[in-house]
PDB file of N, CA and C in Angstrom:
ATOM      1  N   MET A   1      45.129 104.022  91.740  1.00  0.00           N
ATOM      2  CA  MET A   1      45.690 103.445  90.776  1.00  0.00           C
ATOM      3  C   MET A   1      45.522 104.068  89.837  1.00  0.00           C
ATOM      4  N   ASN A   2      45.895 104.981  89.105  1.00  0.00           N
ATOM      5  CA  ASN A   2      45.074 106.107  87.691  1.00  0.00           C
ATOM      6  C   ASN A   2      45.007 105.006  86.347  1.00  0.00           C
ATOM      7  N   ALA A   3      44.284 105.613  85.581  1.00  0.00           N
ATOM      8  CA  ALA A   3      45.191 104.937  83.904  1.00  0.00           C
ATOM      9  C   ALA A   3      45.631 104.942  83.537  1.00  0.00           C
ATOM     10  N   TYR A   4      46.114 104.340  82.431  1.00  0.00           N
ATOM     11  CA  TYR A   4      46.975 105.646  81.273  1.00  0.00           C
ATOM     12  C   TYR A   4      47.053 104.374  80.186  1.00  0.00           C
ATOM     13  N   TYR A   5      46.880 105.566  79.345  1.00  0.00           N
ATOM     14  CA  TYR A   5      46.810 105.897  78.437  1.00  0.00           C
ATOM     15  C   TYR A   5      47.372 106.995  77.450  1.00  0.00           C
ATOM     16  N   LEU A   6      48.613 105.697  76.250  1.00  0.00           N
ATOM     17  CA  LEU A   6      49.003 106.398  74.979  1.00  0.00           C
ATOM     18  C   LEU A   6      48.935 105.943  73.646  1.00  0.00           C
ATOM     19  N   LYS A   7      47.814 107.243  73.258  1.00  0.00           N
ATOM     20  CA  LYS A   7      47.556 106.735  71.720  1.00  0.00           C
ATOM     21  C   LYS A   7      48.462 106.000  70.815  1.00  0.00           C
ATOM     22  N   PRO A   8      48.519 105.208  70.452  1.00  0.00           N
ATOM     23  CA  PRO A   8      49.381 104.474  68.819  1.00  0.00           C
ATOM     24  C   PRO A   8      49.014 104.891  67.906  1.00  0.00           C
ATOM     25  N   THR A   9      50.749 105.184  67.541  1.00  0.00           N
ATOM     26  CA  THR A   9      50.966 105.739  65.627  1.00  0.00           C
ATOM     27  C   THR A   9      51.383 104.906  64.627  1.00  0.00           C
ATOM     28  N   ASP A  10      52.453 105.230  64.051  1.00  0.00           N
ATOM     29  CA  ASP A  10      52.029 105.208  63.056  1.00  0.00           C
ATOM     30  C   ASP A  10      53.885 103.976  63.357  1.00  0.00           C
ATOM     31  N   THR A  11      54.328 104.573  64.869  1.00  0.00           N
ATOM     32  CA  THR A  11      55.896 103.920  65.579  1.00  0.00           C
ATOM     33  C   THR A  11      56.079 103.030  66.447  1.00  0.00           C
ATOM     34  N   THR A  12      54.565 103.752  66.935  1.00  0.00           N
ATOM     35  CA  THR A  12      54.009 103.812  68.326  1.00  0.00           C
ATOM     36  C   THR A  12      53.125 102.924  68.863  1.00  0.00           C
ATOM     37  N   PRO A  13      53.163 101.924  69.974  1.00  0.00           N
ATOM     38  CA  PRO A  13      52.354 100.972  70.189  1.00  0.00           C
ATOM     39  C   PRO A  13      50.692 101.783  71.621  1.00  0.00           C
ATOM     40  N   LEU A  14      50.004 101.105  71.217  1.00  0.00           N
ATOM     41  CA  LEU A  14      49.264 101.911  72.409  1.00  0.00           C
ATOM     42  C   LEU A  14      49.280 101.206  73.463  1.00  0.00           C
ATOM     43  N   VAL A  15      49.979 102.056  74.951  1.00  0.00           N
ATOM     44  CA  VAL A  15      50.242 101.197  75.879  1.00  0.00           C
ATOM     45  C   VAL A  15      48.556 101.949  76.723  1.00  0.00           C
ATOM     46  N   GLN A  16      48.026 101.109  77.873  1.00  0.00           N
ATOM     47  CA  GLN A  16      47.075 101.686  77.958  1.00  0.00           C
ATOM     48  C   GLN A  16      46.659 100.942  79.402  1.00  0.00           C
ATOM     49  N   PHE A  17      46.793 101.373  80.603  1.00  0.00           N
ATOM     50  CA  PHE A  17      45.941 100.492  81.762  1.00  0.00           C
ATOM     51  C   PHE A  17      44.088 101.275  82.313  1.00  0.00           C
ATOM     52  N   ASP A  18      43.472 100.527  82.072  1.00  0.00           N
ATOM     53  CA  ASP A  18      42.579  99.277  82.744  1.00  0.00           C
ATOM     54  C   ASP A  18      42.761  99.900  84.316  1.00  0.00           C
ATOM     55  N   PRO A  19      42.230 100.352  85.129  1.00  0.00           N
ATOM     56  CA  PRO A  19      42.475 100.012  86.437  1.00  0.00           C
ATOM     57  C   PRO A  19      40.927  99.521  87.002  1.00  0.00           C
ATOM     58  N   SER A  20      39.805  99.580  86.265  1.00  0.00           N
ATOM     59  CA  SER A  20      38.740  99.226  86.641  1.00  0.00           C
ATOM     60  C   SER A  20      38.695  96.930  86.315  1.00  0.00           C
ATOM     61  N   LYS A  21      40.087  97.079  85.653  1.00  0.00           N
ATOM     62  CA  LYS A  21      39.609  95.681  85.001  1.00  0.00           C
ATOM     63  C   LYS A  21      41.333  94.904  85.464  1.00  0.00           C
ATOM     64  N   ASN A  22      42.207  95.997  85.780  1.00  0.00           N
ATOM     65  CA  ASN A  22      43.149  96.072  86.533  1.00  0.00           C
ATOM     66  C   ASN A  22      44.281  95.310  84.811  1.00  0.00           C
ATOM     67  N   GLU A  23      44.155  95.696  83.420  1.00  0.00           N
ATOM     68  CA  GLU A  23      44.543  95.427  82.644  1.00  0.00           C
ATOM     69  C   GLU A  23      45.966  96.707  81.921  1.00  0.00           C
ATOM     70  N   LEU A  24      47.050  95.999  81.801  1.00  0.00           N
ATOM     71  CA  LEU A  24      48.001  96.692  81.034  1.00  0.00           C
ATOM     72  C   LEU A  24      48.018  95.781  79.984  1.00  0.00           C
ATOM     73  N   LYS A  25      47.859  96.990  78.476  1.00  0.00           N
ATOM     74  CA  LYS A  25      48.146  96.038  77.118  1.00  0.00           C
ATOM     75  C   LYS A  25      49.051  97.320  76.316  1.00  0.00           C
ATOM     76  N   PHE A  26      49.853  96.541  75.913  1.00  0.00           N
ATOM     77  CA  PHE A  26      50.377  97.195  74.706  1.00  0.00           C
ATOM     78  C   PHE A  26      50.546  96.373  73.243  1.00  0.00           C
ATOM     79  N   VAL A  27      49.914  97.289  72.342  1.00  0.00           N
ATOM     80  CA  VAL A  27      49.696  96.884  71.022  1.00  0.00           C
ATOM     81  C   VAL A  27      49.878  97.784  69.978  1.00  0.00           C
ATOM     82  N   GLY A  28      50.423  96.865  68.321  1.00  0.00           N
ATOM     83  CA  GLY A  28      50.734  97.261  67.753  1.00  0.00           C
ATOM     84  C   GLY A  28      52.245  97.346  67.598  1.00  0.00           C
ATOM     85  N   ARG A  29      52.713  98.170  67.107  1.00  0.00           N
ATOM     86  CA  ARG A  29      54.245  98.004  66.661  1.00  0.00           C
ATOM     87  C   ARG A  29      55.181  99.351  66.851  1.00  0.00           C
ATOM     88  N   SER A  30      56.085  98.688  68.098  1.00  0.00           N
ATOM     89  CA  SER A  30      57.471  99.392  67.815  1.00  0.00           C
ATOM     90  C   SER A  30      58.650  99.456  68.374  1.00  0.00           C
ATOM     91  N   ILE A  31      58.332 100.795  67.122  1.00  0.00           N
ATOM     92  CA  ILE A  31      59.649 101.542  65.770  1.00  0.00           C
ATOM     93  C   ILE A  31      59.853 102.994  66.008  1.00  0.00           C
ATOM     94  N   PRO A  32      60.008 103.007  67.415  1.00  0.00           N
ATOM     95  CA  PRO A  32      60.231 104.586  67.601  1.00  0.00           C
ATOM     96  C   PRO A  32      61.916 104.930  67.128  1.00  0.00           C
ATOM     97  N   GLU A  33      62.011 106.161  66.585  1.00  0.00           N
ATOM     98  CA  GLU A  33      63.292 106.602  66.210  1.00  0.00           C
ATOM     99  C   GLU A  33      63.852 106.483  67.807  1.00  0.00           C
ATOM    100  N   ASP A  34      63.077 106.861  69.662  1.00  0.00           N
ATOM    101  CA  ASP A  34      63.610 107.534  69.913  1.00  0.00           C
ATOM    102  C   ASP A  34      62.701 106.447  71.380  1.00  0.00           C
ATOM    103  N   SER A  35      63.188 105.224  71.367  1.00  0.00           N
ATOM    104  CA  SER A  35      62.629 104.395  71.722  1.00  0.00           C
ATOM    105  C   SER A  35      62.807 104.274  73.978  1.00  0.00           C
ATOM    106  N   ILE A  36      64.081 104.873  74.051  1.00  0.00           N
ATOM    107  CA  ILE A  36      63.847 105.553  75.744  1.00  0.00           C
ATOM    108  C   ILE A  36      63.478 106.297  76.117  1.00  0.00           C
ATOM    109  N   GLY A  37      62.684 107.538  74.952  1.00  0.00           N
ATOM    110  CA  GLY A  37      62.000 108.832  74.875  1.00  0.00           C
ATOM    111  C   GLY A  37      60.674 107.912  75.108  1.00  0.00           C
ATOM    112  N   PHE A  38      60.742 107.302  74.454  1.00  0.00           N
ATOM    113  CA  PHE A  38      59.547 106.622  74.415  1.00  0.00           C
ATOM    114  C   PHE A  38      58.662 105.883  75.650  1.00  0.00           C
ATOM    115  N   TYR A  39      59.313 104.497  76.630  1.00  0.00           N
ATOM    116  CA  TYR A  39      58.851 103.805  77.320  1.00  0.00           C
ATOM    117  C   TYR A  39      59.518 104.447  78.246  1.00  0.00           C
ATOM    118  N   GLU A  40      60.327 106.123  78.547  1.00  0.00           N
ATOM    119  CA  GLU A  40      60.456 106.252  79.671  1.00  0.00           C
ATOM    120  C   GLU A  40      59.416 106.473  80.584  1.00  0.00           C
ATOM    121  N   PRO A  41      58.237 107.088  80.222  1.00  0.00           N
ATOM    122  CA  PRO A  41      56.952 107.834  80.430  1.00  0.00           C
ATOM    123  C   PRO A  41      56.615 106.367  81.546  1.00  0.00           C
ATOM    124  N   ILE A  42      56.626 105.297  80.716  1.00  0.00           N
ATOM    125  CA  ILE A  42      55.618 104.445  80.889  1.00  0.00           C
ATOM    126  C   ILE A  42      56.383 103.458  81.639  1.00  0.00           C
ATOM    127  N   LEU A  43      58.197 103.941  82.083  1.00  0.00           N
ATOM    128  CA  LEU A  43      58.404 103.297  83.701  1.00  0.00           C
ATOM    129  C   LEU A  43      58.302 103.145  84.728  1.00  0.00           C
ATOM    130  N   LYS A  44      58.578 105.179  84.664  1.00  0.00           N
ATOM    131  CA  LYS A  44      58.228 106.662  85.244  1.00  0.00           C
ATOM    132  C   LYS A  44      56.688 106.008  85.715  1.00  0.00           C
ATOM    133  N   TRP A  45      55.403 105.317  85.257  1.00  0.00           N
ATOM    134  CA  TRP A  45      54.545 104.810  85.518  1.00  0.00           C
ATOM    135  C   TRP A  45      54.209 104.218  86.139  1.00  0.00           C
ATOM    136  N   LEU A  46      54.651 102.863  86.088  1.00  0.00           N
ATOM    137  CA  LEU A  46      55.199 101.480  87.001  1.00  0.00           C
ATOM    138  C   LEU A  46      55.176 101.794  88.380  1.00  0.00           C
ATOM    139  N   ALA A  47      56.377 102.579  87.950  1.00  0.00           N
ATOM    140  CA  ALA A  47      57.230 103.146  89.871  1.00  0.00           C
ATOM    141  C   ALA A  47      55.848 103.217  90.138  1.00  0.00           C
ATOM    142  N   GLU A  48      55.086 104.420  90.214  1.00  0.00           N
ATOM    143  CA  GLU A  48      54.451 105.012  90.641  1.00  0.00           C
ATOM    144  C   GLU A  48      53.306 103.391  90.696  1.00  0.00           C
ATOM    145  N   LEU A  49      52.602 102.810  89.701  1.00  0.00           N
ATOM    146  CA  LEU A  49      51.936 101.643  90.434  1.00  0.00           C
ATOM    147  C   LEU A  49      52.158 100.925  91.494  1.00  0.00           C
ATOM    148  N   ALA A  50      53.915 100.810  91.871  1.00  0.00           N
ATOM    149  CA  ALA A  50      54.450  99.818  91.966  1.00  0.00           C
ATOM    150  C   ALA A  50      54.207 100.398  94.259  1.00  0.00           C
ATOM    151  N   ILE A  51      53.503 102.046  94.500  1.00  0.00           N
ATOM    152  CA  ILE A  51      53.892 101.695  95.419  1.00  0.00           C
ATOM    153  C   ILE A  51      52.524 101.860  95.366  1.00  0.00           C
ATOM    154  N   ASN A  52      51.445 101.663  94.555  1.00  0.00           N
ATOM    155  CA  ASN A  52      50.095 100.939  95.497  1.00  0.00           C
ATOM    156  C   ASN A  52      49.636 100.126  94.401  1.00  0.00           C
ATOM    157  N   PRO A  53      50.049  98.880  94.143  1.00  0.00           N
ATOM    158  CA  PRO A  53      50.333  98.445  93.432  1.00  0.00           C
ATOM    159  C   PRO A  53      48.505  96.918  93.558  1.00  0.00           C
ATOM    160  N   PRO A  54      47.679  96.754  92.171  1.00  0.00           N
ATOM    161  CA  PRO A  54      47.102  95.637  92.800  1.00  0.00           C
ATOM    162  C   PRO A  54      47.552  94.144  93.112  1.00  0.00           C
ATOM    163  N   SER A  55      46.042  93.084  93.292  1.00  0.00           N
ATOM    164  CA  SER A  55      46.825  92.783  94.217  1.00  0.00           C
ATOM    165  C   SER A  55      46.766  90.938  93.045  1.00  0.00           C
ATOM    166  N   LYS A  56      46.062  91.324  92.071  1.00  0.00           N
ATOM    167  CA  LYS A  56      46.180  91.233  90.344  1.00  0.00           C
ATOM    168  C   LYS A  56      46.211  91.611  89.497  1.00  0.00           C
ATOM    169  N   MET A  57      46.681  91.235  88.184  1.00  0.00           N
ATOM    170  CA  MET A  57      46.369  91.940  87.153  1.00  0.00           C
ATOM    171  C   MET A  57      46.892  91.151  85.732  1.00  0.00           C
ATOM    172  N   THR A  58      47.021  91.593  84.717  1.00  0.00           N
ATOM    173  CA  THR A  58      46.728  90.869  83.107  1.00  0.00           C
ATOM    174  C   THR A  58      47.962  92.113  82.577  1.00  0.00           C
ATOM    175  N   ILE A  59      48.997  91.246  81.407  1.00  0.00           N
ATOM    176  CA  ILE A  59      49.044  92.298  80.985  1.00  0.00           C
ATOM    177  C   ILE A  59      49.165  91.759  79.300  1.00  0.00           C
ATOM    178  N   SER A  60      49.057  92.530  78.927  1.00  0.00           N
ATOM    179  CA  SER A  60      48.710  91.827  76.516  1.00  0.00           C
ATOM    180  C   SER A  60      50.113  92.360  76.361  1.00  0.00           C
ATOM    181  N   PHE A  61      49.901  91.665  75.882  1.00  0.00           N
ATOM    182  CA  PHE A  61      51.380  92.510  74.645  1.00  0.00           C
ATOM    183  C   PHE A  61      50.919  91.505  73.663  1.00  0.00           C
ATOM    184  N   ASP A  62      50.811  92.351  72.789  1.00  0.00           N
ATOM    185  CA  ASP A  62      50.597  92.220  71.495  1.00  0.00           C
ATOM    186  C   ASP A  62      50.908  92.469  70.020  1.00  0.00           C
ATOM    187  N   LEU A  63      52.138  92.325  70.358  1.00  0.00           N
ATOM    188  CA  LEU A  63      52.711  93.445  68.966  1.00  0.00           C
ATOM    189  C   LEU A  63      53.188  92.495  67.659  1.00  0.00           C
ATOM    190  N   GLU A  64      52.990  93.092  66.612  1.00  0.00           N
ATOM    191  CA  GLU A  64      53.174  93.061  65.927  1.00  0.00           C
ATOM    192  C   GLU A  64      55.083  93.107  65.085  1.00  0.00           C
ATOM    193  N   TYR A  65      55.443  94.015  65.943  1.00  0.00           N
ATOM    194  CA  TYR A  65      57.401  93.894  65.051  1.00  0.00           C
ATOM    195  C   TYR A  65      57.771  94.946  66.412  1.00  0.00           C
ATOM    196  N   PHE A  66      59.100  94.796  67.082  1.00  0.00           N
ATOM    197  CA  PHE A  66      59.770  96.056  67.246  1.00  0.00           C
ATOM    198  C   PHE A  66      60.689  95.690  66.841  1.00  0.00           C
ATOM    199  N   ASN A  67      61.122  96.736  67.120  1.00  0.00           N
ATOM    200  CA  ASN A  67      63.143  97.020  66.662  1.00  0.00           C
ATOM    201  C   ASN A  67      63.644  96.881  68.653  1.00  0.00           C
ATOM    202  N   THR A  68      65.063  96.311  67.563  1.00  0.00           N
ATOM    203  CA  THR A  68      65.938  96.554  69.081  1.00  0.00           C
ATOM    204  C   THR A  68      66.049  96.397  70.008  1.00  0.00           C
ATOM    205  N   SER A  69      66.173  98.232  69.836  1.00  0.00           N
ATOM    206  CA  SER A  69      66.236  99.310  70.839  1.00  0.00           C
ATOM    207  C   SER A  69      64.668  99.370  71.329  1.00  0.00           C
ATOM    208  N   SER A  70      63.605  98.660  70.794  1.00  0.00           N
ATOM    209  CA  SER A  70      62.761  98.853  71.662  1.00  0.00           C
ATOM    210  C   SER A  70      62.808  97.453  72.486  1.00  0.00           C
ATOM    211  N   SER A  71      63.819  96.364  72.281  1.00  0.00           N
ATOM    212  CA  SER A  71      63.159  95.017  72.647  1.00  0.00           C
ATOM    213  C   SER A  71      64.188  95.533  73.890  1.00  0.00           C
ATOM    214  N   LYS A  72      65.391  95.916  73.461  1.00  0.00           N
ATOM    215  CA  LYS A  72      65.700  96.571  75.538  1.00  0.00           C
ATOM    216  C   LYS A  72      64.977  97.893  76.499  1.00  0.00           C
ATOM    217  N   CYS A  73      64.185  98.300  75.874  1.00  0.00           N
ATOM    218  CA  CYS A  73      62.808  99.249  76.749  1.00  0.00           C
ATOM    219  C   CYS A  73      62.135  98.028  77.063  1.00  0.00           C
ATOM    220  N   LEU A  74      61.447  96.915  76.104  1.00  0.00           N
ATOM    221  CA  LEU A  74      60.565  95.665  77.271  1.00  0.00           C
ATOM    222  C   LEU A  74      61.029  95.130  78.135  1.00  0.00           C
ATOM    223  N   LEU A  75      63.061  94.776  77.651  1.00  0.00           N
ATOM    224  CA  LEU A  75      62.959  94.165  78.648  1.00  0.00           C
ATOM    225  C   LEU A  75      62.905  94.841  79.918  1.00  0.00           C
ATOM    226  N   ASP A  76      62.861  96.440  80.065  1.00  0.00           N
ATOM    227  CA  ASP A  76      62.628  97.076  81.812  1.00  0.00           C
ATOM    228  C   ASP A  76      61.634  96.984  82.236  1.00  0.00           C
ATOM    229  N   VAL A  77      60.631  97.097  80.754  1.00  0.00           N
ATOM    230  CA  VAL A  77      58.918  97.038  81.509  1.00  0.00           C
ATOM    231  C   VAL A  77      59.440  95.577  82.247  1.00  0.00           C
ATOM    232  N   PHE A  78      59.431  94.430  81.325  1.00  0.00           N
ATOM    233  CA  PHE A  78      59.773  93.249  82.021  1.00  0.00           C
ATOM    234  C   PHE A  78      59.926  93.534  83.726  1.00  0.00           C
ATOM    235  N   ARG A  79      61.093  93.830  83.367  1.00  0.00           N
ATOM    236  CA  ARG A  79      61.790  93.289  84.833  1.00  0.00           C
ATOM    237  C   ARG A  79      60.856  94.582  86.250  1.00  0.00           C
ATOM    238  N   ARG A  80      60.300  96.060  85.251  1.00  0.00           N
ATOM    239  CA  ARG A  80      59.556  96.682  86.694  1.00  0.00           C
ATOM    240  C   ARG A  80      59.036  95.883  87.298  1.00  0.00           C
ATOM    241  N   LEU A  81      57.626  95.030  85.901  1.00  0.00           N
ATOM    242  CA  LEU A  81      56.908  94.238  85.853  1.00  0.00           C
ATOM    243  C   LEU A  81      57.428  93.120  87.299  1.00  0.00           C
ATOM    244  N   HIS A  82      58.079  92.581  87.069  1.00  0.00           N
ATOM    245  CA  HIS A  82      58.959  91.869  87.481  1.00  0.00           C
ATOM    246  C   HIS A  82      59.089  91.857  89.871  1.00  0.00           C
ATOM    247  N   ASP A  83      59.266  93.177  89.047  1.00  0.00           N
ATOM    248  CA  ASP A  83      59.485  94.011  91.452  1.00  0.00           C
ATOM    249  C   ASP A  83      58.794  94.129  91.392  1.00  0.00           C
ATOM    250  N   ILE A  84      57.504  93.945  91.100  1.00  0.00           N
ATOM    251  CA  ILE A  84      56.593  95.051  91.170  1.00  0.00           C
ATOM    252  C   ILE A  84      55.837  93.146  91.909  1.00  0.00           C
ATOM    253  N   GLN A  85      55.734  92.403  90.840  1.00  0.00           N
ATOM    254  CA  GLN A  85      54.732  90.934  91.503  1.00  0.00           C
ATOM    255  C   GLN A  85      56.191  90.331  92.315  1.00  0.00           C
ATOM    256  N   GLN A  86      57.237  90.849  92.487  1.00  0.00           N
ATOM    257  CA  GLN A  86      57.667  90.094  93.341  1.00  0.00           C
ATOM    258  C   GLN A  86      57.859  90.921  95.369  1.00  0.00           C
ATOM    259  N   SER A  87      58.713  92.322  94.907  1.00  0.00           N
ATOM    260  CA  SER A  87      58.160  93.293  95.782  1.00  0.00           C
ATOM    261  C   SER A  87      57.161  92.886  96.740  1.00  0.00           C
ATOM    262  N   PHE A  88      55.590  93.487  95.799  1.00  0.00           N
ATOM    263  CA  PHE A  88      54.419  93.368  96.310  1.00  0.00           C
ATOM    264  C   PHE A  88      53.734  92.338  96.486  1.00  0.00           C
ATOM    265  N   ARG A  89      53.991  91.067  95.528  1.00  0.00           N
ATOM    266  CA  ARG A  89      53.331  89.605  95.290  1.00  0.00           C
ATOM    267  C   ARG A  89      51.006  90.001  95.105  1.00  0.00           C
ATOM    268  N   CYS A  90      52.017  90.952  94.079  1.00  0.00           N
ATOM    269  CA  CYS A  90      50.814  91.046  93.244  1.00  0.00           C
ATOM    270  C   CYS A  90      51.277  89.789  92.274  1.00  0.00           C
ATOM    271  N   GLU A  91      49.777  89.513  92.262  1.00  0.00           N
ATOM    272  CA  GLU A  91      49.810  88.274  91.394  1.00  0.00           C
ATOM    273  C   GLU A  91      49.540  88.938  89.445  1.00  0.00           C
ATOM    274  N   MET A  92      50.146  87.783  88.960  1.00  0.00           N
ATOM    275  CA  MET A  92      50.240  88.317  87.428  1.00  0.00           C
ATOM    276  C   MET A  92      50.285  87.217  86.501  1.00  0.00           C
ATOM    277  N   GLU A  93      49.779  87.513  85.309  1.00  0.00           N
ATOM    278  CA  GLU A  93      49.911  86.309  84.030  1.00  0.00           C
ATOM    279  C   GLU A  93      49.629  87.383  82.920  1.00  0.00           C
ATOM    280  N   LEU A  94      50.167  86.868  82.409  1.00  0.00           N
ATOM    281  CA  LEU A  94      50.885  88.068  80.782  1.00  0.00           C
ATOM    282  C   LEU A  94      50.588  86.955  80.048  1.00  0.00           C
ATOM    283  N   LEU A  95      50.235  87.382  78.548  1.00  0.00           N
ATOM    284  CA  LEU A  95      49.654  87.201  77.491  1.00  0.00           C
ATOM    285  C   LEU A  95      50.582  87.936  76.625  1.00  0.00           C
ATOM    286  N   TRP A  96      51.172  86.920  75.240  1.00  0.00           N
ATOM    287  CA  TRP A  96      51.558  87.547  74.329  1.00  0.00           C
ATOM    288  C   TRP A  96      51.446  86.426  73.594  1.00  0.00           C
ATOM    289  N   THR A  97      50.856  87.474  72.555  1.00  0.00           N
ATOM    290  CA  THR A  97      50.439  87.054  71.205  1.00  0.00           C
ATOM    291  C   THR A  97      50.224  87.897  70.282  1.00  0.00           C
ATOM    292  N   TYR A  98      50.921  86.551  68.765  1.00  0.00           N
ATOM    293  CA  TYR A  98      51.605  87.178  67.734  1.00  0.00           C
ATOM    294  C   TYR A  98      51.249  86.147  66.552  1.00  0.00           C
ATOM    295  N   GLU A  99      51.545  86.808  65.734  1.00  0.00           N
ATOM    296  CA  GLU A  99      50.655  85.734  64.557  1.00  0.00           C
ATOM    297  C   GLU A  99      51.209  84.715  64.259  1.00  0.00           C
ATOM    298  N   ASP A 100      50.474  83.802  63.438  1.00  0.00           N
ATOM    299  CA  ASP A 100      50.138  82.129  64.252  1.00  0.00           C
ATOM    300  C   ASP A 100      51.415  82.189  62.924  1.00  0.00           C
ATOM    301  N   ASP A 101      52.458  82.595  62.100  1.00  0.00           N
ATOM    302  CA  ASP A 101      53.098  82.323  61.044  1.00  0.00           C
ATOM    303  C   ASP A 101      54.187  83.531  61.809  1.00  0.00           C
ATOM    304  N   ASN A 102      54.480  83.628  63.328  1.00  0.00           N
ATOM    305  CA  ASN A 102      55.646  84.279  62.741  1.00  0.00           C
ATOM    306  C   ASN A 102      56.624  84.337  64.338  1.00  0.00           C
ATOM    307  N   GLU A 103      57.594  82.672  64.094  1.00  0.00           N
ATOM    308  CA  GLU A 103      57.817  82.062  64.637  1.00  0.00           C
ATOM    309  C   GLU A 103      59.022  83.020  65.863  1.00  0.00           C
ATOM    310  N   ASP A 104      58.932  83.955  64.588  1.00  0.00           N
ATOM    311  CA  ASP A 104      60.201  85.421  65.524  1.00  0.00           C
ATOM    312  C   ASP A 104      59.237  85.485  66.333  1.00  0.00           C
ATOM    313  N   MET A 105      58.887  85.609  66.832  1.00  0.00           N
ATOM    314  CA  MET A 105      57.798  86.908  67.812  1.00  0.00           C
ATOM    315  C   MET A 105      57.453  85.794  68.850  1.00  0.00           C
ATOM    316  N   LEU A 106      57.129  84.521  68.272  1.00  0.00           N
ATOM    317  CA  LEU A 106      56.919  83.493  69.631  1.00  0.00           C
ATOM    318  C   LEU A 106      58.318  83.467  70.170  1.00  0.00           C
ATOM    319  N   GLU A 107      58.822  83.207  69.421  1.00  0.00           N
ATOM    320  CA  GLU A 107      60.465  82.731  70.052  1.00  0.00           C
ATOM    321  C   GLU A 107      60.686  84.104  70.861  1.00  0.00           C
ATOM    322  N   ILE A 108      60.489  85.389  70.840  1.00  0.00           N
ATOM    323  CA  ILE A 108      61.134  85.786  71.492  1.00  0.00           C
ATOM    324  C   ILE A 108      60.681  86.392  72.815  1.00  0.00           C
ATOM    325  N   GLY A 109      58.723  86.042  72.483  1.00  0.00           N
ATOM    326  CA  GLY A 109      58.133  85.869  74.015  1.00  0.00           C
ATOM    327  C   GLY A 109      58.680  84.668  74.658  1.00  0.00           C
ATOM    328  N   GLU A 110      58.956  83.954  73.966  1.00  0.00           N
ATOM    329  CA  GLU A 110      59.289  82.344  74.371  1.00  0.00           C
ATOM    330  C   GLU A 110      60.736  82.179  75.752  1.00  0.00           C
ATOM    331  N   GLU A 111      61.787  83.962  75.061  1.00  0.00           N
ATOM    332  CA  GLU A 111      62.776  83.851  75.376  1.00  0.00           C
ATOM    333  C   GLU A 111      62.474  85.054  77.024  1.00  0.00           C
ATOM    334  N   TYR A 112      61.375  85.552  76.413  1.00  0.00           N
ATOM    335  CA  TYR A 112      60.921  86.893  77.690  1.00  0.00           C
ATOM    336  C   TYR A 112      60.937  85.892  78.413  1.00  0.00           C
ATOM    337  N   SER A 113      60.394  84.955  78.420  1.00  0.00           N
ATOM    338  CA  SER A 113      59.014  84.182  80.174  1.00  0.00           C
ATOM    339  C   SER A 113      60.341  83.461  80.728  1.00  0.00           C
ATOM    340  N   SER A 114      61.425  83.211  80.393  1.00  0.00           N
ATOM    341  CA  SER A 114      62.374  82.002  80.576  1.00  0.00           C
ATOM    342  C   SER A 114      63.222  83.625  81.880  1.00  0.00           C
ATOM    343  N   LEU A 115      62.820  84.794  81.375  1.00  0.00           N
ATOM    344  CA  LEU A 115      63.783  85.299  82.459  1.00  0.00           C
ATOM    345  C   LEU A 115      62.462  86.205  83.880  1.00  0.00           C
ATOM    346  N   PHE A 116      61.208  85.343  83.137  1.00  0.00           N
ATOM    347  CA  PHE A 116      60.629  85.843  84.753  1.00  0.00           C
ATOM    348  C   PHE A 116      60.440  85.217  84.633  1.00  0.00           C
ATOM    349  N   THR A 117      59.393  84.970  86.319  1.00  0.00           N
ATOM    350  CA  THR A 117      58.909  83.951  87.031  1.00  0.00           C
ATOM    351  C   THR A 117      57.492  83.941  86.992  1.00  0.00           C
ATOM    352  N   CYS A 118      57.069  85.148  86.356  1.00  0.00           N
ATOM    353  CA  CYS A 118      55.552  85.714  85.693  1.00  0.00           C
ATOM    354  C   CYS A 118      54.844  84.412  84.290  1.00  0.00           C
ATOM    355  N   PRO A 119      53.868  84.143  85.410  1.00  0.00           N
ATOM    356  CA  PRO A 119      53.404  82.775  84.297  1.00  0.00           C
ATOM    357  C   PRO A 119      53.207  83.770  82.436  1.00  0.00           C
ATOM    358  N   PHE A 120      53.119  82.724  81.848  1.00  0.00           N
ATOM    359  CA  PHE A 120      52.854  83.777  79.973  1.00  0.00           C
ATOM    360  C   PHE A 120      52.088  82.224  79.217  1.00  0.00           C
ATOM    361  N   HIS A 121      51.324  82.839  78.637  1.00  0.00           N
ATOM    362  CA  HIS A 121      50.065  82.121  78.047  1.00  0.00           C
ATOM    363  C   HIS A 121      50.335  82.660  76.519  1.00  0.00           C
ATOM    364  N   PHE A 122      50.717  81.886  75.404  1.00  0.00           N
ATOM    365  CA  PHE A 122      51.167  81.645  74.032  1.00  0.00           C
ATOM    366  C   PHE A 122      49.789  82.375  73.496  1.00  0.00           C
ATOM    367  N   ILE A 123      49.165  83.710  72.235  1.00  0.00           N
ATOM    368  CA  ILE A 123      48.640  83.386  71.967  1.00  0.00           C
ATOM    369  C   ILE A 123      48.650  82.794  70.482  1.00  0.00           C
ATOM    370  N   ALA A 124      48.551  82.587  69.893  1.00  0.00           N
ATOM    371  CA  ALA A 124      48.881  82.179  68.466  1.00  0.00           C
ATOM    372  C   ALA A 124      47.076  82.660  67.426  1.00  0.00           C
ATOM    373  N   LYS A 125      47.651  83.667  66.772  1.00  0.00           N
ATOM    374  CA  LYS A 125      46.688  84.252  66.437  1.00  0.00           C
ATOM    375  C   LYS A 125      46.201  84.576  64.381  1.00  0.00           C
ATOM    376  N   PRO A 126      45.021  84.402  63.817  1.00  0.00           N
ATOM    377  CA  PRO A 126      45.800  83.450  62.073  1.00  0.00           C
ATOM    378  C   PRO A 126      45.810  85.290  61.964  1.00  0.00           C
ATOM    379  N   VAL A 127      46.804  84.688  60.446  1.00  0.00           N
ATOM    380  CA  VAL A 127      47.423  86.469  60.276  1.00  0.00           C
ATOM    381  C   VAL A 127      45.835  86.925  58.989  1.00  0.00           C
ATOM    382  N   ASN A 128      45.654  87.597  59.178  1.00  0.00           N
ATOM    383  CA  ASN A 128      44.389  88.424  58.214  1.00  0.00           C
ATOM    384  C   ASN A 128      44.675  88.633  57.154  1.00  0.00           C
TER     385      ASN A 128
END
């Protein structure tokens, strides 16, 4: 299982998989001009991960904002993760972090959680 790293920019999040911890993180903003182009390599990497997934994995989303096209791509990420969980019996836990005054991000996380069997944990963080 290989590490994965995408450096964050002003319009794209950090995406990092640490195989020593079996932890996948998405941190920052996701407002790329070409969301499909940005998320396509991540989806390909997840397809490779599905060949030999870990037995347990933690996925962390700490996104301050994402646009509509990123939302669709994130749904594809969740679907891929769900397939890995179901097909390969990978135990997953998802951490959804949102600013405590951002009800929209909490609601979006709740919507995603309703679509998947993976346990979601909602973490409110104070606004800076």
